[in-house]
Structure formats: C-alpha cells, structure tokens
Amino acid sequence: MALLFGALVLALVGCTGCTDNINGVNTDSVQELDYTDVDLGLAQRGPHFDVAYSKNVTALVGKTAQLNCRVHDLGNRTVSWIRHRDIHLLTSGRMTYTSDQRFISVHNPHTEDWILKIRFPQRRDSGIYECQVGTTPPIGHRMYLSVVEPLTTILGGPDLFINMGSTINLTCVVQHSPEPPPAIRWTHNEEEINYDSPRGGVSVITEKGETTTSHLLVQRARVPDTGRYTCAPANANPKSVQVHVLSGEHPAAMQHGGQLRLQYPLSAALLSLIVTLMGC
C-alpha cells in the first residue's frame, strides 16, 4: 500500500501540463510572485534630508554666508544647527542659543528649508556644521563652510619703471574667489580709466575663471602716464602699483621688454626723483 501511495505522489509531481482539478488553472501558466514589484509599504517615512539642496558652501570674508538644510516629512520635530569645532548648539528651531549674534536661523513655513545665516563671516568660521533633526535617536547631515578671502596681486609691483614709448602692461591676478569677479575696475591716480579717451592706445583684456587675470595695456607710454594704477575687482580687495615712465638709459635697472624693475630700493628712489624733476 505504501509503495502504491508513493508512486501516486511521484506521478503527480512529475506531471507537466496537468490541470488543477479544483480551480481549473493550468499550472504551466502560473507565474512566481516578483517581490521587487510589490509595494510592501516600507518606503522611507519620517524626516529625511534632501542632500541635493543641502550642500557645502564657499563664502567670502565679510559677506553673509548661508547654509541650507532641506528636510522632508519633518512633522513636529525640531531642526537644530551644531558647530562641530566646539560641539556648540547654535540654533534650535528659530531660536539662537549662542551669544554670537552673527548666527541666525531662518525658516519660511511654506518651505522645507532651514537656513543657518552667518553675518560677517571670518576665516575662523570655516569648518563642519551639522543640521540635526530631533528624532529618537537624532539624525543629522553635515556640511562644510569654507570662508575665503580673495587675493588680488599685480605682477611686478609695487613699483614698475617703464621706458618712454614702450607699452605699459599691467597684469592683475585674482585668486581664491568662489566665483569670478563680475567686473574689474582700473584707475589711474584714483580716476577711472577711459578706454575711449582721445589719448588712444589704452585697452584691457580680462580672462575669467578659477583664477581671473586682467591685463591693462597702455601703448606708447608718456611721462603723464606715470602714477598709481589700481586694479579693483568687484568681489575682492583692490591692489595698486606705482608706474614710473622714464627716458634715457638706466644701467642700475633690469630691462624686460621696456619695463624696468629696479634691483635696489635706493635706485628706485633715485629714479623716482629723476621722474619728478623731468615732470617739472
């Protein structure tokens, strides 16, 4: 009897193309359930950060910096900002918990953004800041604030000595700026240079990028072109150079394409005196 029952089971298992006698469904046509296609209701719930809108920030010294933290599904939880350098609670909700009043929490109820605003930031404010949500346990998202001070230099300064009739070529370089300066203003003796003046031969070429370079070209240099030239980027500190237009030979100086750079400060003072006498 046992052998007969076992043979019957094997026959049923080995039967392909059989029809279920109970519901009349062909077993060959039954598909396995693919659990990857089923919504089990396990999608992320509760507060979570939108990292695409909560990024590191580079700010300029002295100009207000803003760190943004976007939190979805916050509910009634509180958002706090913590400075990692000293594990200091800066703000909680819209309240400030530091004596440094440069730090302010900003939130528009119609958005999911919580902003830490830092007024008059200094380089010492650079570091990691954490946006934290008061869940149990708390969750947080870290961002890095980099406060930079753009550096402006004029190559060859602070004094340039130019042969009369040659081309004055002043090169201003702006570095460490989070974005290229929108404009660079050149002045001569505190007056903005007019590139369309009757004198002619004055032009500027500016190349913007991670490092921005501005070239001021003054052709056929004359004694009146002597003076203080200043390069003033819109988002960086200005830098000045003193230009001396000279005539004749000056063996104490090194000549580079019409531009003379003195080796010793004493020689520079003597040549400055000569320029003054020539201008009388």
Protein backbone atom coordinates (compact mmCIF):
# COMPACT_ATOMS: atom_id res chain seq x y z
CA MET A 1 0.00 0.00 0.00
CA ALA A 2 2.81 2.40 0.92
CA LEU A 3 4.56 1.72 -2.39
CA LEU A 4 1.35 2.44 -4.29
CA PHE A 5 0.87 5.79 -2.48
CA GLY A 6 4.48 6.83 -3.18
CA ALA A 7 4.10 6.03 -6.88
CA LEU A 8 0.95 8.15 -7.00
CA VAL A 9 2.78 11.13 -5.44
CA LEU A 10 5.65 10.82 -7.94
CA ALA A 11 3.21 10.69 -10.78
CA LEU A 12 1.51 13.86 -9.65
CA VAL A 13 4.81 15.70 -9.11
CA GLY A 14 6.19 14.61 -12.45
CA CYS A 15 3.08 15.58 -14.33
CA THR A 16 3.62 18.59 -16.58
CA GLY A 17 0.79 20.33 -18.33
CA CYS A 18 -1.65 18.94 -15.74
CA THR A 19 -4.76 20.89 -14.80
CA ASP A 20 -5.71 21.67 -11.25
CA ASN A 21 -8.97 19.86 -10.75
CA ILE A 22 -10.12 22.27 -8.12
CA ASN A 23 -9.80 25.67 -9.85
CA GLY A 24 -9.17 24.61 -13.42
CA VAL A 25 -5.94 26.68 -13.75
CA ASN A 26 -3.17 25.32 -15.93
CA THR A 27 -0.07 25.02 -13.70
CA ASP A 28 2.28 25.85 -16.57
CA SER A 29 0.78 29.35 -16.82
CA VAL A 30 1.23 30.28 -13.14
CA GLN A 31 3.95 32.96 -12.63
CA GLU A 32 6.04 33.30 -9.50
CA LEU A 33 5.37 36.44 -7.47
CA ASP A 34 8.13 39.02 -8.02
CA TYR A 35 8.52 40.77 -4.67
CA THR A 36 10.59 43.58 -6.18
CA ASP A 37 7.46 44.78 -7.96
CA VAL A 38 5.32 44.82 -4.86
CA ASP A 39 4.99 47.90 -2.65
CA LEU A 40 5.28 46.45 0.82
CA GLY A 41 4.75 49.86 2.41
CA LEU A 42 8.40 50.03 3.51
CA ALA A 43 9.26 53.32 1.74
CA GLN A 44 11.23 55.85 3.78
CA ARG A 45 8.99 57.52 6.32
CA GLY A 46 9.60 60.26 8.82
CA PRO A 47 12.13 63.11 8.50
CA HIS A 48 14.89 62.74 5.93
CA PHE A 49 17.37 65.14 4.30
CA ASP A 50 17.40 66.25 0.69
CA VAL A 51 21.18 66.27 0.19
CA ALA A 52 20.85 67.80 -3.28
CA TYR A 53 19.75 71.03 -1.58
CA SER A 54 21.97 70.73 1.50
CA LYS A 55 25.48 71.23 0.17
CA ASN A 56 28.88 72.59 1.19
CA VAL A 57 29.25 76.34 0.85
CA THR A 58 32.13 78.67 -0.01
CA ALA A 59 31.70 82.25 1.20
CA LEU A 60 33.65 85.48 1.13
CA VAL A 61 35.10 87.08 4.23
CA GLY A 62 32.70 89.73 5.50
CA LYS A 63 29.80 88.78 3.22
CA THR A 64 26.81 86.91 4.67
CA ALA A 65 27.03 83.11 4.32
CA GLN A 66 24.03 80.76 4.23
CA LEU A 67 23.98 77.03 4.89
CA ASN A 68 20.77 75.43 3.66
CA CYS A 69 19.22 72.26 5.10
CA ARG A 70 16.16 70.79 3.39
CA VAL A 71 14.20 68.27 5.47
CA HIS A 72 11.26 66.32 4.09
CA ASP A 73 8.42 65.00 6.31
CA LEU A 74 9.67 66.89 9.35
CA GLY A 75 6.37 66.73 11.18
CA ASN A 76 6.57 68.33 14.60
CA ARG A 77 10.27 67.66 15.05
CA THR A 78 12.79 70.44 15.66
CA VAL A 79 15.74 71.33 13.42
CA SER A 80 18.94 72.44 15.14
CA TRP A 81 22.32 73.66 13.89
CA ILE A 82 25.51 72.49 15.62
CA ARG A 83 29.07 73.70 15.06
CA HIS A 84 31.42 70.74 15.18
CA ARG A 85 34.57 72.69 16.07
CA ASP A 86 33.43 73.03 19.68
CA ILE A 87 30.21 70.92 19.59
CA HIS A 88 28.26 74.12 20.16
CA LEU A 89 24.50 74.32 19.72
CA LEU A 90 23.96 77.44 17.62
CA THR A 91 20.23 77.36 16.95
CA SER A 92 17.19 75.20 17.66
CA GLY A 93 14.08 75.88 15.64
CA ARG A 94 14.17 79.62 15.11
CA MET A 95 15.83 80.35 18.43
CA THR A 96 19.52 81.25 18.76
CA TYR A 97 21.49 79.57 21.55
CA THR A 98 24.81 81.36 21.23
CA SER A 99 25.99 84.75 22.39
CA ASP A 100 27.44 85.29 18.92
CA GLN A 101 24.57 87.17 17.31
CA ARG A 102 26.05 86.71 13.84
CA PHE A 103 24.31 83.32 13.74
CA ILE A 104 20.62 83.33 12.82
CA SER A 105 18.15 80.56 11.99
CA VAL A 106 15.83 81.36 9.09
CA HIS A 107 12.79 79.30 8.09
CA ASN A 108 9.86 80.04 5.84
CA PRO A 109 6.86 77.93 6.95
CA HIS A 110 5.90 77.42 3.30
CA THR A 111 9.18 75.62 2.56
CA GLU A 112 11.15 72.67 3.90
CA ASP A 113 14.37 74.68 4.10
CA TRP A 114 16.11 75.56 7.36
CA ILE A 115 18.87 78.10 6.84
CA LEU A 116 21.78 78.95 9.10
CA LYS A 117 22.75 82.52 8.26
CA ILE A 118 26.19 83.79 9.33
CA ARG A 119 26.71 87.53 9.09
CA PHE A 120 30.19 88.98 8.61
CA PRO A 121 31.88 85.55 8.41
CA GLN A 122 35.59 85.30 9.10
CA ARG A 123 38.09 82.67 8.05
CA ARG A 124 37.94 81.18 11.56
CA ASP A 125 34.27 80.31 10.89
CA SER A 126 35.35 77.70 8.35
CA GLY A 127 34.55 74.14 9.36
CA ILE A 128 31.84 71.49 9.69
CA TYR A 129 28.29 72.44 10.62
CA GLU A 130 25.57 69.86 11.25
CA CYS A 131 21.85 70.18 10.61
CA GLN A 132 20.20 67.92 13.16
CA VAL A 133 16.60 66.71 13.50
CA GLY A 134 15.25 65.85 16.94
CA THR A 135 14.15 62.30 16.27
CA THR A 136 14.93 59.35 18.59
CA PRO A 137 17.81 58.89 18.07
CA PRO A 138 18.62 62.23 16.38
CA ILE A 139 19.60 62.26 12.72
CA GLY A 140 21.98 64.77 11.18
CA HIS A 141 23.53 65.96 7.94
CA ARG A 142 26.96 67.61 7.89
CA MET A 143 28.09 70.43 5.64
CA TYR A 144 31.41 72.23 5.27
CA LEU A 145 31.64 76.00 5.25
CA SER A 146 34.76 77.44 3.65
CA VAL A 147 35.29 81.16 4.24
CA VAL A 148 37.87 82.53 1.83
CA GLU A 149 39.47 85.88 1.25
CA PRO A 150 40.23 86.53 -2.42
CA LEU A 151 43.80 87.55 -3.12
CA THR A 152 44.50 90.34 -5.61
CA THR A 153 48.03 90.87 -6.93
CA ILE A 154 49.62 92.96 -9.67
CA LEU A 155 52.63 91.23 -11.12
CA GLY A 156 55.92 93.08 -10.78
CA GLY A 157 54.77 95.55 -8.14
CA PRO A 158 54.90 97.60 -6.04
CA ASP A 159 56.99 99.77 -8.44
CA LEU A 160 57.39 99.45 -12.20
CA PHE A 161 59.76 101.54 -14.27
CA ILE A 162 58.81 101.86 -17.92
CA ASN A 163 60.82 103.22 -20.87
CA MET A 164 59.11 106.08 -22.64
CA GLY A 165 57.48 104.94 -25.87
CA SER A 166 57.14 101.33 -24.76
CA THR A 167 53.92 99.57 -23.73
CA ILE A 168 52.80 99.53 -20.13
CA ASN A 169 51.47 96.04 -19.45
CA LEU A 170 49.91 95.64 -16.02
CA THR A 171 48.67 92.18 -15.07
CA CYS A 172 46.17 91.86 -12.23
CA VAL A 173 45.52 88.36 -10.87
CA VAL A 174 42.52 87.46 -8.65
CA GLN A 175 42.77 84.14 -6.78
CA HIS A 176 40.74 82.18 -4.20
CA SER A 177 37.44 83.70 -5.23
CA PRO A 178 34.36 81.42 -5.08
CA GLU A 179 33.28 82.92 -8.40
CA PRO A 180 34.96 85.17 -10.98
CA PRO A 181 34.57 88.88 -10.23
CA PRO A 182 31.65 90.27 -12.23
CA ALA A 183 33.74 93.34 -13.05
CA ILE A 184 37.28 94.66 -12.61
CA ARG A 185 37.80 98.41 -12.43
CA TRP A 186 41.14 100.01 -13.32
CA THR A 187 42.02 103.51 -12.13
CA HIS A 188 44.95 105.87 -12.72
CA ASN A 189 45.62 108.27 -9.85
CA GLU A 190 42.18 107.48 -8.39
CA GLU A 191 40.37 108.27 -11.65
CA GLU A 192 38.67 105.51 -13.62
CA ILE A 193 40.48 104.81 -16.86
CA ASN A 194 38.59 105.78 -20.00
CA TYR A 195 39.39 103.29 -22.75
CA ASP A 196 37.86 105.61 -25.37
CA SER A 197 39.79 108.73 -24.39
CA PRO A 198 41.38 110.94 -27.09
CA ARG A 199 44.79 109.67 -25.97
CA GLY A 200 44.07 106.28 -27.52
CA GLY A 201 46.13 103.13 -27.21
CA VAL A 202 44.58 102.08 -23.86
CA SER A 203 42.83 98.71 -23.62
CA VAL A 204 42.04 95.96 -21.16
CA ILE A 205 41.83 92.19 -21.65
CA THR A 206 40.18 90.11 -18.91
CA GLU A 207 40.17 86.31 -18.71
CA LYS A 208 37.72 84.94 -16.13
CA GLY A 209 37.98 81.55 -14.50
CA GLU A 210 39.07 79.84 -11.30
CA THR A 211 41.90 82.37 -11.44
CA THR A 212 40.92 85.63 -13.13
CA THR A 213 43.51 87.71 -14.97
CA SER A 214 43.08 91.27 -16.22
CA HIS A 215 45.69 92.92 -18.47
CA LEU A 216 45.81 96.71 -18.76
CA LEU A 217 47.73 97.82 -21.86
CA VAL A 218 48.88 101.40 -22.35
CA GLN A 219 50.75 101.84 -25.62
CA ARG A 220 53.40 104.49 -26.36
CA ALA A 221 54.00 105.32 -22.71
CA ARG A 222 54.49 109.01 -21.88
CA VAL A 223 55.60 110.83 -18.76
CA PRO A 224 51.97 111.82 -17.91
CA ASP A 225 51.22 108.09 -17.74
CA THR A 226 53.32 107.99 -14.57
CA GLY A 227 51.30 107.42 -11.42
CA ARG A 228 49.38 104.99 -9.27
CA TYR A 229 47.40 102.30 -11.07
CA THR A 230 44.80 100.34 -9.12
CA CYS A 231 43.06 97.08 -10.01
CA ALA A 232 39.74 96.82 -8.13
CA PRO A 233 37.79 93.54 -8.58
CA ALA A 234 34.11 93.76 -7.62
CA ASN A 235 34.40 90.90 -5.10
CA ALA A 236 37.96 91.29 -3.81
CA ASN A 237 40.28 93.83 -2.27
CA PRO A 238 41.95 96.32 -4.64
CA LYS A 239 45.66 96.28 -5.37
CA SER A 240 47.85 99.16 -6.57
CA VAL A 241 51.20 99.61 -8.30
CA GLN A 242 53.28 102.72 -8.89
CA VAL A 243 54.36 103.19 -12.50
CA HIS A 244 57.29 105.44 -13.47
CA VAL A 245 57.74 106.34 -17.14
CA LEU A 246 61.40 107.21 -17.80
CA SER A 247 63.51 108.31 -20.75
CA GLY A 248 67.17 107.50 -21.39
CA GLU A 249 69.32 104.61 -20.21
CA HIS A 250 69.39 103.40 -16.62
CA PRO A 251 72.15 100.79 -16.12
CA ALA A 252 71.15 100.25 -12.47
CA ALA A 253 67.86 98.74 -13.60
CA MET A 254 66.93 95.48 -15.30
CA GLN A 255 65.03 95.91 -18.53
CA HIS A 256 62.30 93.44 -19.53
CA GLY A 257 60.57 94.36 -22.79
CA GLY A 258 60.54 98.04 -21.98
CA GLN A 259 59.59 97.54 -18.33
CA LEU A 260 62.34 98.36 -15.86
CA ARG A 261 62.45 96.74 -12.45
CA LEU A 262 64.99 98.12 -10.04
CA GLN A 263 67.16 95.76 -8.04
CA TYR A 264 67.55 98.03 -5.05
CA PRO A 265 65.10 100.37 -3.26
CA LEU A 266 67.72 103.17 -3.25
CA SER A 267 67.90 103.08 -7.03
CA ALA A 268 64.11 103.19 -7.13
CA ALA A 269 64.15 106.32 -5.00
CA LEU A 270 66.72 107.98 -7.26
CA LEU A 271 64.75 107.20 -10.39
CA SER A 272 61.59 108.46 -8.75
CA LEU A 273 63.41 111.73 -8.08
CA ILE A 274 64.51 111.92 -11.73
CA VAL A 275 60.91 111.42 -12.85
CA THR A 276 59.80 114.23 -10.55
CA LEU A 277 62.45 116.57 -11.96
CA MET A 278 61.51 115.66 -15.53
CA GLY A 279 57.89 116.47 -14.80
CA CYS A 280 58.74 119.99 -13.62
